[in-house]
Amino acid sequence: MSHRRAVALVALVPLFAACATQPPDAAVAPSAPAVVSSPLAAPQVEAEEFPEPMPSPTASPTPSATTATPKPSPSSAKTSPTAKATKASASPTATKSAAAKSAAPASVDASACTGSSLALNAKGDCVTVAQKLLAAVDLFSASANGTFGQSTANAVLNYQRSRGISDNAIIGPETWAALTSGKAAQGGAPAACSASGVVLCASQGDRTLTLMRDGQAVKTINVRFGGMTKDDNGKLRIFPTVSGKYSVYAKDAKAFSDRWESSMPYSIKFNPNMYVHYSGDFAKRGYAGSSHGCINVGSMSDAKWFFDNTPVGAKVVVY
């Protein structure tokens, strides 16, 4: 991808597109069983991710850190009044943690469904059951209508990531077992998040981004990662966010994606195809949609704060 204001370092790595890796088809769109439609079948008619026009952000020349009381880990930061993550549900600006709820509701009978396998475009009572189970753990907020569309797929992906299950957006035996048993969300950040200096610690399971400074959590916010969204041909597929250790190599307050025709204000570049940046689509649609691999921030002020307080060279840990 090309960007309007490409820095010299980016010029050394020609890009085809920001926020979009292109893994093998088998990895991003597993074949669904014969009882359901293929994950690559015609997509549901849902809105595409096209963020709202960028409101001309201006980076602050003198970043100022928050006054949050330092905490030893991203998890503990969520309980601090001044470094609290917002609710990981349909809205990126809500205030309750999704990980707090783990038990399946007693009123939902999934016994007739646990032997089935559901994927994108599936329909029926078992889809409704799955949607209710996902809603019970605050990961699905739309109507339980029995149609496995984009928002359901992203809810499944986010559930699988939070429970340490292979994130393929297919509800198979392992995912059914977790949903019906009320399996608790996994927690804990890797040791790399506590390294010296500034570290951006991004948890796909918690859907949070924490700025760590010398091993202390300074600020934690809810973010959105890659998931089920439309490709260049308008078809739904999974765009994953990479995991691993990286370094911030550039920043651009007014970055723009030519491929997706969308602005990416306050971009913090840690991977040639994936940035941390504000997303108008995330602010509008929440977790019903997803990014094309980037780490989306749903608040412009939070995006600016992380932009101002994350220096080039800072470490980034995505897990």
Protein backbone atom coordinates (compact mmCIF):
# COMPACT_ATOMS: atom_id res chain seq x y z
CA MET A 1 0.00 0.00 0.00
CA SER A 2 1.09 3.54 -0.44
CA HIS A 3 0.53 6.28 2.08
CA ARG A 4 0.22 10.01 1.41
CA ARG A 5 2.85 10.94 3.90
CA ALA A 6 5.25 8.00 3.79
CA VAL A 7 8.32 8.46 5.97
CA ALA A 8 11.77 7.61 4.69
CA LEU A 9 11.88 4.33 6.54
CA VAL A 10 8.61 3.11 5.07
CA ALA A 11 9.92 3.93 1.63
CA LEU A 12 12.44 1.17 2.13
CA VAL A 13 9.64 -1.35 2.44
CA PRO A 14 7.17 -0.98 -0.45
CA LEU A 15 3.71 -1.85 0.73
CA PHE A 16 0.67 -3.16 -1.00
CA ALA A 17 -1.76 -2.35 1.76
CA ALA A 18 -1.81 -1.27 5.37
CA CYS A 19 -3.94 -3.29 7.81
CA ALA A 20 -4.10 -6.36 5.59
CA THR A 21 -1.92 -9.42 5.55
CA GLN A 22 -2.58 -12.04 2.91
CA PRO A 23 -2.16 -15.51 4.51
CA PRO A 24 -2.92 -18.68 2.54
CA ASP A 25 -6.60 -19.25 1.91
CA ALA A 26 -6.60 -22.36 4.05
CA ALA A 27 -5.40 -20.36 7.02
CA VAL A 28 -7.88 -17.53 6.82
CA ALA A 29 -11.03 -19.26 5.63
CA PRO A 30 -11.23 -22.87 6.82
CA SER A 31 -13.61 -25.07 4.91
CA ALA A 32 -16.93 -25.46 6.68
CA PRO A 33 -18.59 -28.86 7.06
CA ALA A 34 -21.17 -29.88 4.52
CA VAL A 35 -24.02 -29.02 6.89
CA VAL A 36 -23.29 -25.30 6.59
CA SER A 37 -22.35 -22.82 3.92
CA SER A 38 -18.70 -22.22 3.14
CA PRO A 39 -17.12 -19.28 5.04
CA LEU A 40 -16.31 -17.82 1.65
CA ALA A 41 -19.86 -17.91 0.35
CA ALA A 42 -21.69 -14.72 -0.60
CA PRO A 43 -21.43 -12.36 2.38
CA GLN A 44 -24.27 -11.03 4.48
CA VAL A 45 -25.35 -7.54 3.51
CA GLU A 46 -23.61 -5.55 6.22
CA ALA A 47 -21.75 -2.25 6.25
CA GLU A 48 -18.12 -2.21 5.14
CA GLU A 49 -15.38 -0.76 7.27
CA PHE A 50 -14.87 2.72 5.89
CA PRO A 51 -13.95 5.09 8.72
CA GLU A 52 -15.35 8.57 8.77
CA PRO A 53 -13.25 11.39 7.26
CA MET A 54 -10.25 12.32 9.35
CA PRO A 55 -10.85 15.47 11.43
CA SER A 56 -7.36 16.85 10.69
CA PRO A 57 -5.57 15.75 13.88
CA THR A 58 -2.51 17.65 15.02
CA ALA A 59 0.05 15.83 17.10
CA SER A 60 1.02 17.50 20.35
CA PRO A 61 4.66 18.63 20.36
CA THR A 62 4.95 17.94 24.07
CA PRO A 63 3.31 14.65 25.06
CA SER A 64 2.07 14.51 28.60
CA ALA A 65 1.56 11.21 30.39
CA THR A 66 -1.54 10.52 32.42
CA THR A 67 -1.51 10.65 36.15
CA ALA A 68 -2.58 7.04 36.48
CA THR A 69 -1.15 5.20 39.45
CA PRO A 70 1.31 2.68 37.98
CA LYS A 71 0.26 -0.95 38.13
CA PRO A 72 2.49 -4.01 37.69
CA SER A 73 0.59 -5.51 34.75
CA PRO A 74 -1.98 -4.70 32.06
CA SER A 75 -4.54 -6.85 33.88
CA SER A 76 -4.26 -4.94 37.13
CA ALA A 77 -4.37 -1.66 35.26
CA LYS A 78 -7.99 -2.30 34.40
CA THR A 79 -9.01 -1.79 38.03
CA SER A 80 -7.28 1.54 38.44
CA PRO A 81 -9.67 4.53 38.30
CA THR A 82 -7.24 6.37 36.06
CA ALA A 83 -6.02 3.52 33.89
CA LYS A 84 -9.17 1.54 33.23
CA ALA A 85 -10.11 -0.45 30.15
CA THR A 86 -13.55 0.03 28.72
CA LYS A 87 -16.08 -2.72 28.11
CA ALA A 88 -15.14 -5.23 25.43
CA SER A 89 -18.57 -5.47 23.85
CA ALA A 90 -20.33 -3.77 20.97
CA SER A 91 -19.24 -0.31 22.05
CA PRO A 92 -15.57 0.66 22.43
CA THR A 93 -16.55 3.37 24.92
CA ALA A 94 -18.57 1.33 27.40
CA THR A 95 -17.31 0.67 30.92
CA LYS A 96 -17.67 -3.01 31.84
CA SER A 97 -15.14 -5.79 31.22
CA ALA A 98 -16.35 -8.66 29.05
CA ALA A 99 -14.03 -11.09 30.82
CA ALA A 100 -16.07 -10.66 34.00
CA LYS A 101 -18.83 -12.96 32.69
CA SER A 102 -18.00 -16.55 31.83
CA ALA A 103 -20.90 -18.83 32.74
CA ALA A 104 -23.45 -19.99 30.18
CA PRO A 105 -27.03 -18.92 30.97
CA ALA A 106 -29.09 -21.74 32.50
CA SER A 107 -32.04 -20.90 30.25
CA VAL A 108 -30.14 -21.73 27.05
CA ASP A 109 -30.35 -25.41 26.06
CA ALA A 110 -27.53 -26.21 23.67
CA SER A 111 -27.68 -30.00 24.01
CA ALA A 112 -29.10 -30.48 20.52
CA CYS A 113 -26.43 -28.27 18.95
CA THR A 114 -23.09 -29.31 20.39
CA GLY A 115 -22.55 -31.94 17.70
CA SER A 116 -23.02 -29.46 14.87
CA SER A 117 -20.51 -27.16 13.22
CA LEU A 118 -21.52 -23.62 12.32
CA ALA A 119 -19.77 -21.13 10.07
CA LEU A 120 -20.46 -17.95 8.13
CA ASN A 121 -23.88 -17.91 6.42
CA ALA A 122 -25.28 -20.79 8.50
CA LYS A 123 -28.86 -20.36 9.70
CA GLY A 124 -31.14 -22.03 12.20
CA ASP A 125 -31.94 -22.59 15.84
CA CYS A 126 -28.40 -23.62 16.76
CA VAL A 127 -27.09 -20.31 15.47
CA THR A 128 -29.62 -18.59 17.74
CA VAL A 129 -28.40 -20.69 20.67
CA ALA A 130 -24.78 -19.75 19.94
CA GLN A 131 -25.68 -16.07 19.68
CA LYS A 132 -27.40 -16.19 23.07
CA LEU A 133 -24.39 -17.89 24.65
CA LEU A 134 -22.08 -15.25 23.17
CA ALA A 135 -24.41 -12.50 24.39
CA ALA A 136 -24.24 -13.99 27.89
CA VAL A 137 -20.51 -13.23 28.00
CA ASP A 138 -20.95 -9.75 26.51
CA LEU A 139 -19.46 -10.59 23.13
CA PHE A 140 -22.60 -10.35 20.98
CA SER A 141 -25.04 -7.46 21.24
CA ALA A 142 -27.15 -7.77 18.09
CA SER A 143 -30.44 -9.64 17.88
CA ALA A 144 -30.19 -13.42 18.21
CA ASN A 145 -31.82 -13.93 14.83
CA GLY A 146 -30.41 -17.32 13.83
CA THR A 147 -28.29 -15.94 10.98
CA PHE A 148 -24.50 -16.37 11.15
CA GLY A 149 -23.37 -13.05 9.66
CA GLN A 150 -20.34 -10.83 10.07
CA SER A 151 -21.13 -9.65 13.58
CA THR A 152 -21.64 -13.24 14.76
CA ALA A 153 -18.38 -14.31 13.13
CA ASN A 154 -16.47 -11.54 14.89
CA ALA A 155 -18.12 -12.41 18.20
CA VAL A 156 -16.97 -16.03 17.72
CA LEU A 157 -13.44 -14.89 16.85
CA ASN A 158 -13.24 -12.68 19.92
CA TYR A 159 -14.59 -15.47 22.12
CA GLN A 160 -12.10 -17.99 20.74
CA ARG A 161 -9.19 -15.60 21.31
CA SER A 162 -10.26 -14.92 24.88
CA ARG A 163 -10.46 -18.66 25.64
CA GLY A 164 -7.28 -19.79 23.89
CA ILE A 165 -9.18 -21.60 21.14
CA SER A 166 -8.05 -21.61 17.50
CA ASP A 167 -9.63 -18.47 16.06
CA ASN A 168 -11.27 -19.62 12.84
CA ALA A 169 -14.80 -18.17 13.33
CA ILE A 170 -16.25 -21.69 13.19
CA ILE A 171 -18.25 -23.03 16.12
CA GLY A 172 -17.05 -26.61 16.30
CA PRO A 173 -16.77 -29.13 19.18
CA GLU A 174 -14.09 -27.20 21.11
CA THR A 175 -15.93 -23.89 20.91
CA TRP A 176 -19.27 -25.50 21.80
CA ALA A 177 -17.65 -27.16 24.81
CA ALA A 178 -16.25 -23.86 26.03
CA LEU A 179 -19.49 -21.97 25.46
CA THR A 180 -21.67 -24.52 27.23
CA SER A 181 -19.30 -25.10 30.17
CA GLY A 182 -18.81 -21.42 30.90
CA LYS A 183 -15.05 -21.66 30.39
CA ALA A 184 -13.37 -18.64 31.97
CA ALA A 185 -11.41 -16.14 29.94
CA GLN A 186 -7.65 -16.51 29.95
CA GLY A 187 -5.52 -13.77 31.43
CA GLY A 188 -1.95 -12.72 31.99
CA ALA A 189 0.49 -10.77 29.85
CA PRO A 190 3.84 -12.14 28.61
CA ALA A 191 7.01 -11.10 30.38
CA ALA A 192 8.03 -9.01 27.36
CA CYS A 193 5.34 -6.49 28.30
CA SER A 194 7.32 -5.62 31.43
CA ALA A 195 10.57 -4.77 29.64
CA SER A 196 12.30 -1.47 30.36
CA GLY A 197 11.25 1.64 28.48
CA VAL A 198 7.91 2.14 26.74
CA VAL A 199 6.08 -1.01 25.61
CA LEU A 200 2.71 -1.19 23.90
CA CYS A 201 1.15 -4.41 25.14
CA ALA A 202 -1.77 -5.53 22.93
CA SER A 203 -3.96 -8.42 24.10
CA GLN A 204 -6.18 -9.97 21.45
CA GLY A 205 -7.90 -12.06 24.11
CA ASP A 206 -8.79 -9.07 26.30
CA ARG A 207 -9.10 -6.67 23.34
CA THR A 208 -7.00 -4.13 25.19
CA LEU A 209 -3.96 -1.97 24.54
CA THR A 210 -1.78 -0.96 27.49
CA LEU A 211 1.09 1.49 27.51
CA MET A 212 3.71 0.14 29.89
CA ARG A 213 6.61 2.25 31.13
CA ASP A 214 9.48 0.40 32.82
CA GLY A 215 7.20 -2.47 33.73
CA GLN A 216 4.38 -0.31 35.08
CA ALA A 217 0.98 0.03 33.40
CA VAL A 218 0.23 3.68 32.66
CA LYS A 219 -2.92 3.55 30.51
CA THR A 220 -5.18 0.78 29.23
CA ILE A 221 -7.92 1.13 26.62
CA ASN A 222 -10.15 -1.22 24.66
CA VAL A 223 -9.19 -1.77 21.03
CA ARG A 224 -10.29 -3.82 18.02
CA PHE A 225 -8.14 -6.27 16.10
CA GLY A 226 -8.36 -7.96 12.72
CA GLY A 227 -11.27 -10.27 12.00
CA MET A 228 -14.05 -11.03 9.59
CA THR A 229 -14.38 -8.17 7.11
CA LYS A 230 -14.60 -7.57 3.38
CA ASP A 231 -11.71 -8.03 0.99
CA ASP A 232 -11.02 -6.16 -2.25
CA ASN A 233 -13.77 -8.11 -3.98
CA GLY A 234 -16.38 -7.31 -1.34
CA LYS A 235 -16.41 -10.82 0.12
CA LEU A 236 -16.08 -11.57 3.80
CA ARG A 237 -12.92 -13.28 4.99
CA ILE A 238 -10.68 -13.25 8.03
CA PHE A 239 -7.89 -10.67 8.18
CA PRO A 240 -5.78 -11.63 11.22
CA THR A 241 -3.62 -9.34 13.34
CA VAL A 242 -0.06 -10.58 13.69
CA SER A 243 1.24 -11.75 17.07
CA GLY A 244 4.81 -11.31 18.26
CA LYS A 245 7.35 -8.69 19.28
CA TYR A 246 7.92 -5.54 17.22
CA SER A 247 9.30 -2.01 17.43
CA VAL A 248 7.70 1.28 16.44
CA TYR A 249 9.57 2.40 13.32
CA ALA A 250 7.53 5.49 12.40
CA LYS A 251 4.45 7.55 13.28
CA ASP A 252 2.06 9.53 11.08
CA ALA A 253 -0.74 11.67 12.53
CA LYS A 254 -2.51 11.83 9.15
CA ALA A 255 -1.90 8.41 7.62
CA PHE A 256 -4.23 7.26 4.85
CA SER A 257 -4.91 3.84 3.31
CA ASP A 258 -5.22 4.05 -0.46
CA ARG A 259 -6.29 0.43 -0.71
CA TRP A 260 -9.20 0.77 1.72
CA GLU A 261 -9.80 4.46 0.98
CA SER A 262 -9.83 5.36 4.65
CA SER A 263 -7.98 7.70 6.96
CA MET A 264 -5.95 6.28 9.82
CA PRO A 265 -5.32 9.21 12.20
CA TYR A 266 -2.51 8.97 14.74
CA SER A 267 -0.93 5.88 13.21
CA ILE A 268 1.78 4.17 15.23
CA LYS A 269 3.60 1.92 12.76
CA PHE A 270 5.03 -1.32 14.13
CA ASN A 271 4.51 -3.65 11.17
CA PRO A 272 4.52 -2.69 7.46
CA ASN A 273 0.89 -3.78 7.11
CA MET A 274 -0.43 -3.09 10.60
CA TYR A 275 -0.60 0.06 12.68
CA VAL A 276 -2.23 1.26 15.88
CA HIS A 277 -4.61 4.04 14.80
CA TYR A 278 -7.97 5.72 15.35
CA SER A 279 -10.87 4.11 13.50
CA GLY A 280 -14.13 5.90 12.83
CA ASP A 281 -15.68 2.55 11.93
CA PHE A 282 -14.77 1.13 15.35
CA ALA A 283 -16.23 4.22 17.03
CA LYS A 284 -19.44 3.75 15.04
CA ARG A 285 -19.92 -0.02 14.77
CA GLY A 286 -17.89 -1.39 17.65
CA TYR A 287 -17.01 -5.08 17.57
CA ALA A 288 -19.64 -6.03 15.01
CA GLY A 289 -16.95 -5.24 12.45
CA SER A 290 -13.18 -5.60 12.54
CA SER A 291 -10.02 -4.09 11.14
CA HIS A 292 -8.06 -5.50 8.22
CA GLY A 293 -5.30 -6.37 10.70
CA CYS A 294 -4.54 -3.03 12.34
CA ILE A 295 -5.16 -2.29 16.01
CA ASN A 296 -8.13 0.08 16.02
CA VAL A 297 -8.72 2.72 18.69
CA GLY A 298 -12.29 3.97 19.00
CA SER A 299 -11.57 7.28 20.74
CA MET A 300 -9.73 10.10 18.97
CA SER A 301 -8.41 11.45 22.27
CA ASP A 302 -7.08 8.01 23.27
CA ALA A 303 -5.48 7.57 19.85
CA LYS A 304 -3.75 10.94 20.24
CA TRP A 305 -2.62 10.12 23.78
CA PHE A 306 -0.97 6.88 22.67
CA PHE A 307 0.50 8.63 19.62
CA ASP A 308 2.00 11.39 21.79
CA ASN A 309 3.33 9.07 24.48
CA THR A 310 4.75 6.29 22.29
CA PRO A 311 8.19 7.19 20.92
CA VAL A 312 9.71 5.77 17.76
CA GLY A 313 11.71 2.76 18.89
CA ALA A 314 9.21 1.72 21.56
CA LYS A 315 8.54 -2.00 21.81
CA VAL A 316 5.20 -3.53 20.76
CA VAL A 317 4.02 -6.90 22.03
CA VAL A 318 0.92 -8.45 20.43
CA TYR A 319 -0.38 -11.67 21.92
